[in-house]
Protein backbone atom coordinates (compact mmCIF):
# COMPACT_ATOMS: atom_id res chain seq x y z
CA MET A 1 57.21 -3.45 35.17
CA PRO A 2 57.98 0.58 35.21
CA THR A 3 61.38 1.31 35.63
CA ILE A 4 61.98 3.30 38.85
CA GLU A 5 65.91 4.28 37.93
CA ASP A 6 68.30 3.41 35.35
CA PHE A 7 72.25 2.88 36.57
CA GLY A 8 73.33 1.83 33.35
CA SER A 9 74.61 -1.50 34.49
CA PHE A 10 71.19 -2.30 36.44
CA LYS A 11 67.84 -0.85 36.68
CA ILE A 12 65.38 -0.93 39.38
CA TYR A 13 62.06 -2.05 38.82
CA MET A 14 58.75 -2.07 40.28
CA TYR A 15 55.83 -4.40 39.12
CA PHE A 16 51.93 -3.71 39.67
CA GLY A 17 50.27 -6.25 41.81
CA ASP A 18 53.25 -7.46 43.34
CA HIS A 19 53.60 -9.53 46.70
CA ASN A 20 54.70 -8.27 50.28
CA PRO A 21 56.77 -7.29 51.71
CA PRO A 22 57.25 -3.62 49.70
CA HIS A 23 60.58 -4.66 47.86
CA ILE A 24 61.97 -3.70 44.33
CA HIS A 25 63.59 -5.20 41.68
CA VAL A 26 67.21 -5.00 40.91
CA ILE A 27 68.68 -6.64 37.15
CA GLY A 28 71.31 -6.29 35.28
CA ALA A 29 72.70 -8.24 32.67
CA ASP A 30 73.53 -11.58 34.84
CA PHE A 31 71.92 -11.18 37.72
CA ALA A 32 68.68 -10.52 39.36
CA ALA A 33 67.89 -9.79 43.47
CA LYS A 34 65.01 -8.17 45.42
CA ILE A 35 65.37 -5.59 47.55
CA ARG A 36 62.91 -5.20 50.71
CA ILE A 37 62.26 -1.04 50.94
CA LEU A 38 61.73 -1.16 54.81
CA ASP A 39 65.41 -2.26 55.90
CA ALA A 40 67.14 -2.22 52.32
CA GLU A 41 67.68 -6.30 52.34
CA VAL A 42 68.22 -8.15 49.80
CA PHE A 43 65.84 -11.23 50.18
CA ALA A 44 65.86 -12.81 47.47
CA GLY A 45 68.50 -13.37 44.69
CA LYS A 46 72.44 -12.13 44.33
CA LEU A 47 73.99 -9.36 43.33
CA PRO A 48 77.52 -8.64 42.91
CA GLY A 49 79.26 -6.32 45.64
CA LYS A 50 79.19 -3.20 44.35
CA ILE A 51 76.21 -2.92 42.69
CA GLY A 52 74.91 -4.77 45.97
CA LYS A 53 75.62 -1.46 47.72
CA GLN A 54 74.83 0.94 45.18
CA ALA A 55 71.17 -0.57 45.33
CA CYS A 56 70.75 -0.96 48.99
CA ALA A 57 72.51 2.43 49.39
CA TYR A 58 69.67 4.11 46.89
CA VAL A 59 67.40 2.47 49.15
CA ILE A 60 68.28 3.48 51.98
CA THR A 61 68.08 6.88 50.55
CA HIS A 62 64.86 6.91 48.56
CA LYS A 63 62.94 4.73 51.00
CA ASP A 64 59.82 7.22 51.41
CA ARG A 65 60.13 7.85 47.81
CA LEU A 66 59.99 4.16 46.99
CA MET A 67 57.15 3.23 49.71
CA ALA A 68 54.56 6.09 47.72
CA ILE A 69 55.60 4.33 44.38
CA TRP A 70 54.71 0.94 46.21
CA GLN A 71 51.52 2.41 47.31
CA ASP A 72 50.35 3.72 44.23
CA TYR A 73 51.39 0.31 42.40
CA ASN A 74 50.00 -1.92 44.86
CA GLY A 75 47.13 -0.21 47.15
């Protein structure tokens, strides 16, 4: 599971051979969630307010890059 971004209090990961929809994993010390790349919505798990906003904003800003990584990892 390669790290895509490290924010200190949480990291963004993507798994090789993962299931659809294209998404990232946001993991911190006491939380974990999945965010869809296409619409930056949390669809599994929960994130603390500030971290959720930061992670979703990251997905919106880096959508094209994240989709390219998803394609590389998941075909």
